[in-house]
Every structure is written in structure tokens, then in C-alpha cells.
């Protein structure tokens, strides 16, 4: 009797593993695994543990904990030698955005942390899009994929694709990476990894960059 129970239990375990494997395979085959992981990571952002932390001195946060973002008005001239193409196929330069604060985010649809932070960036854009230039640079091989994602999610984010090599200061192996440039053309924030930028403290920080 015990052997029969063990066999049934083993069979049920194999079936459960089979179902899990089938679901995992389906998610990867359809590309939905990225959004599922991104949704889970969005829950981490919702805890408030990864909100911007404005420090007294500018520094690259690549070697810091992802829940801390360092920024200031320290003079680090931004490199505006960057060409982009918008959703309508128009080529523009980063110099076209000079004169107002710039929030530039390097992202991709295959990147779960990017998917996780994008809803909050979209909310930030709705609140400050008239005061700050938002530049969402897609790193997808096919720009159409990024445009379709932006539309499907109901975001109204200004997305672009690269039309030139990235200057050294914008080259990062981490996705997403966010850069903030003030109205005077100074790079005042570099953050590698996801974060919730839609906070009162960060909005106040952006307002102070005019």
C-alpha cells in the first residue's frame, strides 16, 4: 500500500514539474517571461526600498547599492555628441534638448528591470514632461519592437533609438542606466539599475535643475 502511495506521489510530482516546465517554456517562447519578471520586480519598487537618494556630491553609482542614486549640481560637462532617431524616423541630436533638464534612460524590451521601472517613469513624465526633456533610448535591435511595446502598454513616453555611437560617458553594460543633465549642460546623475524616480524628493531635485 505504501509503495502504491509513493508511486502516486512520485507521478503527481512529475506531472507538477511537467506543468511548470511547460509554462516556463511557453513564457520564454512567447517572450512573456520578461514582462512576468518585470512585474515581480515592480513589486520591489512598490515597497519604496529603491527610491532616489540625492547625495551632496555627484558620483557614478555603478558600484553602489541599486536603491541609492547619487546626484548634485557638481560640474561634470555632459557630452551632447549623440544622434538619435524618434518614432517618426526623424534624426535629432542631443543638443536639440539643451536649455532644459534632461532625463535620459537607456532601456530595452528584453530587460525585466526596465519593464519594472517604466510605469513610474511614465507617471513622472506625465507630471513633468513639460518641464523636463524625457529621452527613452531603446537598445532593442528592432526599434519597431520598442514602439509596439510603448503603444501596447499605453505609455506616452518619447522613445528613441541610437543613430550614432554612444559617447564614453553614456556607455554602460548595465540596462537600464539613467542619466540626468541639468539646464546648463552638466551631467548631475548617473544611475545603473532600476529605481523608482517618481517621488516627491526626486521631482523636487529635477525642478532645481532649471
N, C-alpha and C. Protein backbone atom coordinates (compact mmCIF):
# COMPACT_ATOMS: atom_id res chain seq x y z
N UNK A 1 0.83 -1.21 0.00
CA UNK A 1 0.00 0.00 0.00
C UNK A 1 0.86 1.25 0.00
N UNK A 2 1.89 1.22 0.81
CA UNK A 2 2.79 2.35 0.90
C UNK A 2 3.50 2.59 -0.43
N UNK A 3 3.86 1.47 -1.12
CA UNK A 3 4.53 1.59 -2.40
C UNK A 3 3.62 2.25 -3.43
N UNK A 4 2.32 1.89 -3.38
CA UNK A 4 1.38 2.49 -4.31
C UNK A 4 1.26 3.99 -4.07
N UNK A 5 1.21 4.35 -2.79
CA UNK A 5 1.12 5.78 -2.44
C UNK A 5 2.35 6.53 -2.91
N UNK A 6 3.53 5.89 -2.74
CA UNK A 6 4.77 6.53 -3.16
C UNK A 6 4.79 6.72 -4.67
N UNK A 7 4.30 5.69 -5.40
CA UNK A 7 4.28 5.78 -6.86
C UNK A 7 3.34 6.90 -7.32
N UNK A 8 2.16 7.01 -6.66
CA UNK A 8 1.20 8.05 -7.00
C UNK A 8 1.78 9.44 -6.71
N UNK A 9 2.46 9.51 -5.56
CA UNK A 9 3.06 10.78 -5.17
C UNK A 9 4.16 11.19 -6.14
N UNK A 10 4.98 10.21 -6.54
CA UNK A 10 6.05 10.47 -7.50
C UNK A 10 5.49 10.90 -8.84
N UNK A 11 4.42 10.20 -9.27
CA UNK A 11 3.78 10.52 -10.54
C UNK A 11 3.22 11.94 -10.53
N UNK A 12 2.57 12.29 -9.40
CA UNK A 12 1.99 13.62 -9.27
C UNK A 12 3.08 14.69 -9.30
N UNK A 13 4.22 14.40 -8.66
CA UNK A 13 5.34 15.34 -8.64
C UNK A 13 5.86 15.58 -10.05
N UNK A 14 6.01 14.50 -10.82
CA UNK A 14 6.48 14.62 -12.21
C UNK A 14 5.50 15.44 -13.05
N UNK A 15 4.22 15.23 -12.81
CA UNK A 15 3.20 15.98 -13.55
C UNK A 15 3.28 17.47 -13.21
N UNK A 16 3.44 17.76 -11.91
CA UNK A 16 3.56 19.17 -11.49
C UNK A 16 4.78 19.83 -12.10
N UNK A 17 5.92 19.11 -12.07
CA UNK A 17 7.14 19.65 -12.68
C UNK A 17 6.95 19.84 -14.19
N UNK A 18 6.23 18.90 -14.78
CA UNK A 18 5.97 18.99 -16.22
C UNK A 18 5.15 20.21 -16.56
N UNK A 19 4.15 20.50 -15.72
CA UNK A 19 3.30 21.68 -15.94
C UNK A 19 4.12 22.96 -15.80
N UNK A 20 4.94 23.00 -14.73
CA UNK A 20 5.80 24.18 -14.50
C UNK A 20 6.75 24.38 -15.67
N UNK A 21 7.34 23.28 -16.15
CA UNK A 21 8.28 23.37 -17.27
C UNK A 21 7.56 23.85 -18.53
N UNK A 22 6.34 23.37 -18.72
CA UNK A 22 5.57 23.77 -19.90
C UNK A 22 5.23 25.26 -19.86
N UNK A 23 4.86 25.74 -18.66
CA UNK A 23 4.55 27.16 -18.50
C UNK A 23 5.80 28.01 -18.75
N UNK A 24 6.92 27.56 -18.17
CA UNK A 24 8.18 28.30 -18.34
C UNK A 24 8.58 28.34 -19.81
N UNK A 25 8.44 27.21 -20.49
CA UNK A 25 8.79 27.15 -21.91
C UNK A 25 7.90 28.08 -22.73
N UNK A 26 6.61 28.08 -22.41
CA UNK A 26 5.66 28.94 -23.13
C UNK A 26 6.01 30.42 -22.93
N UNK A 27 6.34 30.79 -21.70
CA UNK A 27 6.69 32.18 -21.40
C UNK A 27 7.94 32.60 -22.17
N UNK A 28 8.94 31.72 -22.21
CA UNK A 28 10.16 32.06 -22.93
C UNK A 28 9.93 32.08 -24.43
N UNK A 29 9.12 31.14 -24.92
CA UNK A 29 8.86 31.06 -26.36
C UNK A 29 8.10 32.28 -26.86
N UNK A 30 7.22 32.81 -26.02
CA UNK A 30 6.41 33.96 -26.42
C UNK A 30 7.04 35.29 -26.02
N UNK A 31 8.13 35.22 -25.23
CA UNK A 31 8.78 36.44 -24.79
C UNK A 31 8.11 37.08 -23.59
N UNK A 32 7.10 36.43 -23.04
CA UNK A 32 6.35 37.00 -21.91
C UNK A 32 7.10 36.88 -20.59
N UNK A 33 8.16 36.06 -20.56
CA UNK A 33 8.90 35.90 -19.30
C UNK A 33 9.50 37.22 -18.83
N UNK A 34 9.89 38.06 -19.78
CA UNK A 34 10.47 39.36 -19.42
C UNK A 34 9.46 40.20 -18.66
N UNK A 35 8.22 40.23 -19.15
CA UNK A 35 7.20 41.05 -18.50
C UNK A 35 6.77 40.45 -17.16
N UNK A 36 6.79 39.11 -17.06
CA UNK A 36 6.44 38.47 -15.79
C UNK A 36 7.48 38.81 -14.73
N UNK A 37 8.76 38.69 -15.10
CA UNK A 37 9.84 39.03 -14.16
C UNK A 37 9.79 40.51 -13.83
N UNK A 38 9.53 41.33 -14.86
CA UNK A 38 9.44 42.77 -14.65
C UNK A 38 8.31 43.13 -13.70
N UNK A 39 7.19 42.42 -13.83
CA UNK A 39 6.05 42.65 -12.93
C UNK A 39 6.43 42.33 -11.49
N UNK A 40 7.18 41.24 -11.31
CA UNK A 40 7.62 40.86 -9.96
C UNK A 40 8.57 41.91 -9.39
N UNK A 41 9.48 42.41 -10.23
CA UNK A 41 10.43 43.42 -9.76
C UNK A 41 9.73 44.75 -9.49
N UNK A 42 8.63 45.00 -10.19
CA UNK A 42 7.85 46.21 -9.92
C UNK A 42 7.32 46.19 -8.49
N UNK A 43 7.04 44.99 -7.99
CA UNK A 43 6.60 44.86 -6.61
C UNK A 43 7.67 45.31 -5.64
N UNK A 44 8.95 45.06 -6.01
CA UNK A 44 10.06 45.52 -5.17
C UNK A 44 10.10 47.04 -5.13
N UNK A 45 9.91 47.66 -6.31
CA UNK A 45 9.90 49.13 -6.36
C UNK A 45 8.75 49.70 -5.54
N UNK A 46 7.63 48.98 -5.52
CA UNK A 46 6.45 49.46 -4.79
C UNK A 46 6.67 49.50 -3.28
N UNK A 47 7.67 48.77 -2.80
CA UNK A 47 7.94 48.76 -1.35
C UNK A 47 8.58 50.07 -0.90
N UNK A 48 9.10 50.84 -1.87
CA UNK A 48 9.75 52.10 -1.51
C UNK A 48 11.21 51.92 -1.11
N UNK A 49 11.74 50.72 -1.29
CA UNK A 49 13.12 50.45 -0.90
C UNK A 49 14.12 50.93 -1.93
N UNK A 50 13.64 51.25 -3.14
CA UNK A 50 14.55 51.64 -4.20
C UNK A 50 14.17 53.01 -4.76
N UNK A 51 14.07 53.97 -3.86
CA UNK A 51 13.75 55.33 -4.27
C UNK A 51 15.03 56.16 -4.36
N UNK A 52 15.01 57.20 -5.17
CA UNK A 52 16.22 58.02 -5.34
C UNK A 52 16.71 58.63 -4.04
N UNK A 53 18.00 58.58 -3.83
CA UNK A 53 18.62 59.19 -2.67
C UNK A 53 19.57 60.26 -3.18
N UNK A 54 19.23 61.51 -3.01
CA UNK A 54 20.04 62.60 -3.52
C UNK A 54 21.18 62.90 -2.56
N UNK A 55 22.39 62.72 -3.04
CA UNK A 55 23.56 62.94 -2.20
C UNK A 55 24.12 64.35 -2.42
N UNK A 56 25.13 64.67 -1.64
CA UNK A 56 25.72 66.01 -1.70
C UNK A 56 26.73 66.16 -2.82
N UNK A 57 27.26 65.06 -3.32
CA UNK A 57 28.25 65.14 -4.39
C UNK A 57 27.87 64.21 -5.51
N UNK A 58 28.18 64.63 -6.75
CA UNK A 58 27.89 63.78 -7.90
C UNK A 58 28.85 62.61 -7.95
N UNK A 59 28.31 61.45 -8.27
CA UNK A 59 29.15 60.28 -8.42
C UNK A 59 28.40 59.23 -9.21
N UNK A 60 29.18 58.38 -9.89
CA UNK A 60 28.60 57.27 -10.62
C UNK A 60 28.19 56.22 -9.59
N UNK A 61 26.99 55.67 -9.68
CA UNK A 61 26.52 54.73 -8.67
C UNK A 61 26.66 53.28 -9.11
N UNK A 62 27.50 53.02 -10.09
CA UNK A 62 27.61 51.66 -10.62
C UNK A 62 28.09 50.66 -9.59
N UNK A 63 28.86 51.12 -8.61
CA UNK A 63 29.38 50.20 -7.60
C UNK A 63 28.66 50.31 -6.27
N UNK A 64 27.51 50.99 -6.29
CA UNK A 64 26.74 51.16 -5.07
C UNK A 64 25.50 50.29 -5.09
N UNK A 65 24.83 50.27 -3.96
CA UNK A 65 23.57 49.56 -3.89
C UNK A 65 22.58 50.23 -4.82
N UNK A 66 21.78 49.43 -5.55
CA UNK A 66 20.87 49.97 -6.55
C UNK A 66 19.78 50.85 -5.96
N UNK A 67 19.56 50.79 -4.66
CA UNK A 67 18.48 51.61 -4.11
C UNK A 67 18.96 53.00 -3.75
N UNK A 68 20.22 53.32 -4.09
CA UNK A 68 20.73 54.65 -3.83
C UNK A 68 21.14 55.31 -5.14
N UNK A 69 20.70 56.54 -5.32
CA UNK A 69 21.06 57.30 -6.50
C UNK A 69 21.75 58.57 -6.05
N UNK A 70 22.98 58.76 -6.48
CA UNK A 70 23.71 59.94 -6.06
C UNK A 70 23.61 61.02 -7.13
N UNK A 71 23.40 62.25 -6.72
CA UNK A 71 23.28 63.34 -7.68
C UNK A 71 23.56 64.66 -7.00
N UNK A 72 23.94 65.67 -7.80
CA UNK A 72 24.17 67.00 -7.29
C UNK A 72 24.37 67.95 -8.45
N UNK A 73 24.73 69.18 -8.15
CA UNK A 73 24.98 70.15 -9.20
C UNK A 73 26.46 70.28 -9.50
N UNK A 74 27.25 69.28 -9.11
CA UNK A 74 28.68 69.31 -9.38
C UNK A 74 28.92 69.41 -10.88
N UNK A 75 29.95 70.15 -11.28
CA UNK A 75 30.22 70.39 -12.70
C UNK A 75 30.87 69.18 -13.37
N UNK A 76 30.08 68.47 -14.15
CA UNK A 76 30.56 67.39 -14.99
C UNK A 76 29.94 67.62 -16.36
N UNK A 77 30.63 68.31 -17.26
CA UNK A 77 30.05 68.63 -18.56
C UNK A 77 29.53 67.40 -19.30
N UNK A 78 28.28 67.46 -19.72
CA UNK A 78 27.68 66.36 -20.47
C UNK A 78 28.17 66.37 -21.91
N UNK A 79 28.28 65.20 -22.50
CA UNK A 79 28.68 65.08 -23.90
C UNK A 79 27.39 65.05 -24.73
N UNK A 80 27.21 66.08 -25.57
CA UNK A 80 25.99 66.17 -26.39
C UNK A 80 26.20 65.61 -27.79
N UNK A 81 27.32 64.94 -28.01
CA UNK A 81 27.61 64.36 -29.31
C UNK A 81 26.92 63.00 -29.45
N UNK A 82 25.60 63.04 -29.52
CA UNK A 82 24.81 61.83 -29.60
C UNK A 82 23.64 62.05 -30.56
N UNK A 83 23.54 61.22 -31.59
CA UNK A 83 22.46 61.32 -32.56
C UNK A 83 21.41 60.26 -32.29
N UNK A 84 20.15 60.63 -32.38
CA UNK A 84 19.03 59.74 -32.10
C UNK A 84 17.99 59.82 -33.22
N UNK A 85 17.13 58.81 -33.30
CA UNK A 85 16.02 58.85 -34.23
C UNK A 85 14.72 58.66 -33.45
N UNK A 86 13.73 59.51 -33.71
CA UNK A 86 12.48 59.39 -32.97
C UNK A 86 11.54 58.40 -33.63
N UNK A 87 10.33 58.26 -33.09
CA UNK A 87 9.37 57.27 -33.59
C UNK A 87 8.91 57.54 -35.01
N UNK A 88 9.07 58.79 -35.45
CA UNK A 88 8.63 59.16 -36.80
C UNK A 88 9.76 59.07 -37.82
N UNK A 89 10.91 58.60 -37.38
CA UNK A 89 12.03 58.44 -38.29
C UNK A 89 12.88 59.68 -38.47
N UNK A 90 12.64 60.67 -37.64
CA UNK A 90 13.40 61.92 -37.72
C UNK A 90 14.68 61.82 -36.88
N UNK A 91 15.81 62.16 -37.48
CA UNK A 91 17.08 62.15 -36.76
C UNK A 91 17.28 63.47 -36.04
N UNK A 92 17.59 63.38 -34.77
CA UNK A 92 17.81 64.57 -33.95
C UNK A 92 19.10 64.41 -33.17
N UNK A 93 19.56 65.48 -32.58
CA UNK A 93 20.77 65.46 -31.77
C UNK A 93 20.42 65.75 -30.32
N UNK A 94 21.25 65.26 -29.42
CA UNK A 94 21.03 65.54 -28.01
C UNK A 94 21.10 67.05 -27.75
N UNK A 95 21.82 67.76 -28.60
CA UNK A 95 21.92 69.21 -28.45
C UNK A 95 20.56 69.90 -28.63
N UNK A 96 19.64 69.24 -29.32
CA UNK A 96 18.30 69.82 -29.53
C UNK A 96 17.53 69.98 -28.23
N UNK A 97 17.98 69.28 -27.19
CA UNK A 97 17.28 69.33 -25.91
C UNK A 97 17.96 70.25 -24.90
N UNK A 98 19.04 70.86 -25.31
CA UNK A 98 19.75 71.76 -24.39
C UNK A 98 18.88 72.94 -23.98
N UNK A 99 19.11 73.39 -22.75
CA UNK A 99 18.36 74.53 -22.24
C UNK A 99 17.32 74.15 -21.21
N UNK A 100 17.08 72.84 -21.06
CA UNK A 100 16.15 72.37 -20.02
C UNK A 100 16.71 71.06 -19.45
N UNK A 101 16.29 70.68 -18.27
CA UNK A 101 16.78 69.43 -17.69
C UNK A 101 16.45 68.25 -18.60
N UNK A 102 17.35 67.28 -18.64
CA UNK A 102 17.17 66.09 -19.48
C UNK A 102 17.20 64.84 -18.61
N UNK A 103 16.20 64.00 -18.79
CA UNK A 103 16.14 62.69 -18.13
C UNK A 103 16.31 61.66 -19.25
N UNK A 104 17.47 61.04 -19.32
CA UNK A 104 17.75 60.08 -20.40
C UNK A 104 17.93 58.68 -19.82
N UNK A 105 17.11 57.77 -20.32
CA UNK A 105 17.09 56.40 -19.81
C UNK A 105 17.40 55.43 -20.94
N UNK A 106 18.41 54.58 -20.74
CA UNK A 106 18.77 53.54 -21.70
C UNK A 106 18.05 52.26 -21.29
N UNK A 107 17.18 51.74 -22.15
CA UNK A 107 16.33 50.61 -21.77
C UNK A 107 16.15 49.66 -22.95
N UNK A 108 15.47 48.54 -22.70
CA UNK A 108 15.16 47.58 -23.76
C UNK A 108 13.96 46.73 -23.34
N UNK A 109 13.23 46.25 -24.31
CA UNK A 109 12.03 45.45 -24.01
C UNK A 109 12.40 44.07 -23.46
N UNK A 110 13.64 43.62 -23.68
CA UNK A 110 14.07 42.32 -23.18
C UNK A 110 14.64 42.40 -21.76
N UNK A 111 14.59 43.58 -21.17
CA UNK A 111 15.19 43.83 -19.86
C UNK A 111 14.12 43.94 -18.76
N UNK A 112 13.98 42.92 -17.90
CA UNK A 112 12.96 42.96 -16.83
C UNK A 112 13.03 44.18 -15.93
N UNK A 113 14.22 44.61 -15.46
CA UNK A 113 14.27 45.81 -14.61
C UNK A 113 13.76 47.05 -15.34
N UNK A 114 13.99 47.11 -16.66
CA UNK A 114 13.47 48.24 -17.45
C UNK A 114 11.95 48.24 -17.44
N UNK A 115 11.38 47.06 -17.64
CA UNK A 115 9.93 46.91 -17.65
C UNK A 115 9.36 47.28 -16.29
N UNK A 116 10.11 46.93 -15.22
CA UNK A 116 9.64 47.19 -13.86
C UNK A 116 9.58 48.67 -13.55
N UNK A 117 10.59 49.45 -13.98
CA UNK A 117 10.64 50.86 -13.60
C UNK A 117 9.86 51.77 -14.55
N UNK A 118 9.49 51.26 -15.72
CA UNK A 118 8.89 52.12 -16.73
C UNK A 118 7.53 52.73 -16.34
N UNK A 119 6.64 52.00 -15.65
CA UNK A 119 5.37 52.63 -15.25
C UNK A 119 5.57 53.87 -14.40
N UNK A 120 6.54 53.84 -13.49
CA UNK A 120 6.81 55.01 -12.64
C UNK A 120 7.46 56.14 -13.45
N UNK A 121 8.29 55.78 -14.42
CA UNK A 121 8.88 56.81 -15.29
C UNK A 121 7.77 57.45 -16.11
N UNK A 122 6.81 56.64 -16.55
CA UNK A 122 5.69 57.18 -17.31
C UNK A 122 4.87 58.16 -16.48
N UNK A 123 4.67 57.83 -15.20
CA UNK A 123 3.95 58.74 -14.30
C UNK A 123 4.74 60.03 -14.10
N UNK A 124 6.06 59.90 -13.97
CA UNK A 124 6.92 61.08 -13.80
C UNK A 124 6.84 61.95 -15.04
N UNK A 125 6.83 61.33 -16.19
CA UNK A 125 6.74 62.06 -17.45
C UNK A 125 5.42 62.83 -17.55
N UNK A 126 4.33 62.21 -17.10
CA UNK A 126 3.03 62.88 -17.13
C UNK A 126 3.04 64.13 -16.26
N UNK A 127 3.76 64.06 -15.14
CA UNK A 127 3.80 65.18 -14.20
C UNK A 127 4.79 66.26 -14.62
N UNK A 128 5.91 65.86 -15.27
CA UNK A 128 6.98 66.82 -15.51
C UNK A 128 7.43 66.90 -16.97
N UNK A 129 6.67 66.29 -17.86
CA UNK A 129 7.06 66.26 -19.27
C UNK A 129 7.18 67.62 -19.92
N UNK A 130 6.49 68.63 -19.36
CA UNK A 130 6.58 69.97 -19.93
C UNK A 130 7.78 70.74 -19.39
N UNK A 131 8.36 70.25 -18.30
CA UNK A 131 9.49 70.93 -17.66
C UNK A 131 10.82 70.24 -17.93
N UNK A 132 10.75 68.94 -18.16
CA UNK A 132 11.95 68.13 -18.34
C UNK A 132 11.87 67.38 -19.67
N UNK A 133 12.98 67.31 -20.39
CA UNK A 133 13.04 66.55 -21.64
C UNK A 133 13.30 65.08 -21.30
N UNK A 134 12.34 64.23 -21.62
CA UNK A 134 12.49 62.80 -21.38
C UNK A 134 12.97 62.14 -22.67
N UNK A 135 14.07 61.40 -22.55
CA UNK A 135 14.66 60.72 -23.71
C UNK A 135 14.82 59.25 -23.35
N UNK A 136 13.89 58.43 -23.80
CA UNK A 136 13.93 56.99 -23.53
C UNK A 136 14.59 56.31 -24.72
N UNK A 137 15.86 55.93 -24.55
CA UNK A 137 16.64 55.37 -25.66
C UNK A 137 16.55 53.85 -25.67
N UNK A 138 15.86 53.32 -26.68
CA UNK A 138 15.71 51.87 -26.80
C UNK A 138 17.00 51.23 -27.32
N UNK A 139 17.41 50.16 -26.67
CA UNK A 139 18.59 49.41 -27.09
C UNK A 139 18.19 48.13 -27.82
N UNK A 140 16.91 48.01 -28.16
CA UNK A 140 16.43 46.85 -28.91
C UNK A 140 17.05 46.84 -30.30
N UNK A 141 17.30 45.65 -30.85
CA UNK A 141 17.83 45.55 -32.20
C UNK A 141 16.82 46.07 -33.22
N UNK A 142 15.54 45.84 -32.93
CA UNK A 142 14.48 46.30 -33.82
C UNK A 142 13.68 47.40 -33.12
N UNK A 143 13.78 48.61 -33.61
CA UNK A 143 13.09 49.74 -32.98
C UNK A 143 11.57 49.57 -33.00
N UNK A 144 11.07 48.85 -34.00
CA UNK A 144 9.63 48.62 -34.09
C UNK A 144 9.11 47.86 -32.87
N UNK A 145 9.95 47.00 -32.31
CA UNK A 145 9.57 46.24 -31.11
C UNK A 145 9.34 47.20 -29.95
N UNK A 146 10.22 48.17 -29.81
CA UNK A 146 10.10 49.15 -28.74
C UNK A 146 8.88 50.03 -28.94
N UNK A 147 8.64 50.44 -30.17
CA UNK A 147 7.47 51.29 -30.45
C UNK A 147 6.18 50.55 -30.17
N UNK A 148 6.14 49.28 -30.54
CA UNK A 148 4.94 48.47 -30.30
C UNK A 148 4.70 48.28 -28.81
N UNK A 149 5.78 48.09 -28.06
CA UNK A 149 5.68 47.92 -26.60
C UNK A 149 5.12 49.20 -25.96
N UNK A 150 5.66 50.33 -26.35
CA UNK A 150 5.23 51.62 -25.80
C UNK A 150 3.74 51.84 -26.05
N UNK A 151 3.28 51.48 -27.23
CA UNK A 151 1.87 51.64 -27.59
C UNK A 151 1.00 50.64 -26.86
N UNK A 152 1.44 49.38 -26.81
CA UNK A 152 0.65 48.32 -26.17
C UNK A 152 0.45 48.58 -24.68
N UNK A 153 1.46 49.15 -24.03
CA UNK A 153 1.37 49.42 -22.59
C UNK A 153 0.61 50.71 -22.29
N UNK A 154 0.27 51.46 -23.33
CA UNK A 154 -0.47 52.71 -23.10
C UNK A 154 0.40 53.82 -22.56
N UNK A 155 1.73 53.68 -22.72
CA UNK A 155 2.64 54.74 -22.29
C UNK A 155 2.68 55.84 -23.35
N UNK A 156 3.00 57.02 -22.93
CA UNK A 156 3.15 58.13 -23.86
C UNK A 156 4.57 58.67 -23.77
N UNK A 157 5.50 57.75 -23.59
CA UNK A 157 6.89 58.14 -23.41
C UNK A 157 7.57 58.43 -24.75
N UNK A 158 8.39 59.48 -24.81
CA UNK A 158 9.14 59.79 -26.03
C UNK A 158 10.29 58.80 -26.17
N UNK A 159 10.19 57.87 -27.11
CA UNK A 159 11.24 56.86 -27.24
C UNK A 159 12.06 57.11 -28.50
N UNK A 160 13.32 56.72 -28.42
CA UNK A 160 14.28 56.97 -29.50
C UNK A 160 15.16 55.74 -29.67
N UNK A 161 15.87 55.72 -30.78
CA UNK A 161 16.87 54.68 -30.99
C UNK A 161 18.18 55.37 -31.40
N UNK A 162 19.29 54.72 -31.13
CA UNK A 162 20.60 55.31 -31.41
C UNK A 162 20.86 55.43 -32.91
N UNK A 163 21.45 56.55 -33.29
CA UNK A 163 21.86 56.77 -34.68
C UNK A 163 23.35 57.05 -34.76
N UNK A 164 24.02 56.95 -33.63
CA UNK A 164 25.47 57.13 -33.57
C UNK A 164 26.01 56.34 -32.39
N UNK A 165 27.31 56.23 -32.32
CA UNK A 165 27.93 55.56 -31.17
C UNK A 165 27.71 56.40 -29.92
N UNK A 166 27.54 55.71 -28.81
CA UNK A 166 27.38 56.44 -27.55
C UNK A 166 28.73 56.99 -27.08
N UNK A 167 28.76 58.25 -26.65
CA UNK A 167 29.99 58.80 -26.07
C UNK A 167 30.38 57.96 -24.85
N UNK A 168 31.64 57.92 -24.49
CA UNK A 168 32.11 57.10 -23.35
C UNK A 168 31.28 57.27 -22.08
N UNK A 169 30.85 58.52 -21.77
CA UNK A 169 30.12 58.72 -20.51
C UNK A 169 28.75 58.07 -20.50
N UNK A 170 28.25 57.66 -21.69
CA UNK A 170 26.94 57.01 -21.77
C UNK A 170 27.06 55.53 -22.12
N UNK A 171 28.26 55.01 -22.08
CA UNK A 171 28.46 53.60 -22.37
C UNK A 171 28.40 52.81 -21.06
N UNK A 172 27.46 51.90 -21.01
CA UNK A 172 27.26 51.11 -19.80
C UNK A 172 26.80 49.71 -20.18
N UNK A 173 27.32 48.72 -19.50
CA UNK A 173 26.90 47.34 -19.75
C UNK A 173 25.65 47.00 -18.95
N UNK A 174 25.24 47.93 -18.09
CA UNK A 174 24.05 47.72 -17.26
C UNK A 174 22.83 48.35 -17.94
N UNK A 175 21.76 47.57 -17.99
CA UNK A 175 20.49 48.07 -18.52
C UNK A 175 19.42 47.79 -17.47
N UNK A 176 18.65 48.81 -17.05
CA UNK A 176 18.68 50.19 -17.52
C UNK A 176 19.79 51.01 -16.86
N UNK A 177 20.15 52.09 -17.53
CA UNK A 177 21.02 53.12 -16.95
C UNK A 177 20.38 54.46 -17.23
N UNK A 178 20.33 55.31 -16.22
CA UNK A 178 19.68 56.61 -16.34
C UNK A 178 20.68 57.74 -16.12
N UNK A 179 20.57 58.77 -16.95
CA UNK A 179 21.42 59.95 -16.85
C UNK A 179 20.53 61.19 -16.74
N UNK A 180 20.92 62.12 -15.88
CA UNK A 180 20.19 63.38 -15.78
C UNK A 180 21.17 64.51 -16.03
N UNK A 181 20.79 65.40 -16.93
CA UNK A 181 21.61 66.55 -17.31
C UNK A 181 20.84 67.81 -16.96
N UNK A 182 21.48 68.78 -16.32
CA UNK A 182 20.76 70.00 -15.95
C UNK A 182 20.68 70.97 -17.11
N UNK A 183 19.96 72.07 -16.90
CA UNK A 183 19.73 73.04 -17.96
C UNK A 183 21.00 73.73 -18.43
N UNK A 184 22.05 73.64 -17.64
CA UNK A 184 23.33 74.25 -18.01
C UNK A 184 24.26 73.27 -18.72
N UNK A 185 23.75 72.08 -18.99
CA UNK A 185 24.56 71.10 -19.71
C UNK A 185 25.51 70.29 -18.87
N UNK A 186 25.23 70.20 -17.56
CA UNK A 186 26.08 69.42 -16.66
C UNK A 186 25.42 68.08 -16.34
N UNK A 187 26.21 67.02 -16.44
CA UNK A 187 25.72 65.69 -16.06
C UNK A 187 25.70 65.63 -14.54
N UNK A 188 24.52 65.48 -13.95
CA UNK A 188 24.41 65.52 -12.50
C UNK A 188 23.95 64.21 -11.88
N UNK A 189 23.63 63.23 -12.73
CA UNK A 189 23.23 61.94 -12.19
C UNK A 189 23.54 60.83 -13.18
N UNK A 190 24.10 59.76 -12.67
CA UNK A 190 24.29 58.52 -13.43
C UNK A 190 23.88 57.38 -12.53
N UNK A 191 22.86 56.64 -12.93
CA UNK A 191 22.42 55.52 -12.10
C UNK A 191 22.27 54.27 -12.94
N UNK A 192 22.92 53.20 -12.52
CA UNK A 192 22.86 51.93 -13.22
C UNK A 192 21.99 50.96 -12.44
N UNK A 193 20.91 50.51 -13.07
CA UNK A 193 19.97 49.64 -12.39
C UNK A 193 18.62 50.31 -12.28
N UNK A 194 17.60 49.55 -11.89
CA UNK A 194 16.26 50.11 -11.80
C UNK A 194 16.07 50.93 -10.54
N UNK A 195 15.10 51.84 -10.59
CA UNK A 195 14.77 52.67 -9.43
C UNK A 195 13.39 53.28 -9.65
N UNK A 196 12.80 53.75 -8.57
CA UNK A 196 11.54 54.49 -8.66
C UNK A 196 11.88 55.97 -8.62
N UNK A 197 11.79 56.61 -9.78
CA UNK A 197 12.11 58.04 -9.86
C UNK A 197 10.91 58.94 -9.58
N UNK A 198 9.73 58.35 -9.52
CA UNK A 198 8.53 59.16 -9.32
C UNK A 198 8.24 59.39 -7.84
N UNK A 199 9.12 60.16 -7.21
CA UNK A 199 8.95 60.51 -5.80
C UNK A 199 8.98 62.03 -5.67
N UNK A 200 8.43 62.53 -4.60
CA UNK A 200 8.39 63.98 -4.39
C UNK A 200 9.81 64.54 -4.29
N UNK A 201 10.70 63.80 -3.66
CA UNK A 201 12.08 64.26 -3.50
C UNK A 201 12.79 64.35 -4.84
N UNK A 202 12.58 63.35 -5.69
CA UNK A 202 13.25 63.36 -6.98
C UNK A 202 12.64 64.43 -7.90
N UNK A 203 11.34 64.62 -7.82
CA UNK A 203 10.70 65.67 -8.62
C UNK A 203 11.23 67.05 -8.21
N UNK A 204 11.42 67.24 -6.91
CA UNK A 204 11.97 68.50 -6.41
C UNK A 204 13.39 68.68 -6.93
N UNK A 205 14.14 67.59 -6.96
CA UNK A 205 15.51 67.63 -7.47
C UNK A 205 15.51 68.07 -8.95
N UNK A 206 14.62 67.50 -9.74
CA UNK A 206 14.53 67.87 -11.17
C UNK A 206 14.16 69.33 -11.34
N UNK A 207 13.22 69.80 -10.52
CA UNK A 207 12.80 71.21 -10.61
C UNK A 207 13.96 72.14 -10.33
N UNK A 208 14.89 71.71 -9.51
CA UNK A 208 16.04 72.55 -9.14
C UNK A 208 17.13 72.58 -10.19
N UNK A 209 16.94 71.83 -11.29
CA UNK A 209 17.98 71.77 -12.33
C UNK A 209 17.75 72.74 -13.46
N UNK A 210 16.72 73.60 -13.35
CA UNK A 210 16.42 74.55 -14.43
C UNK A 210 17.45 75.67 -14.48
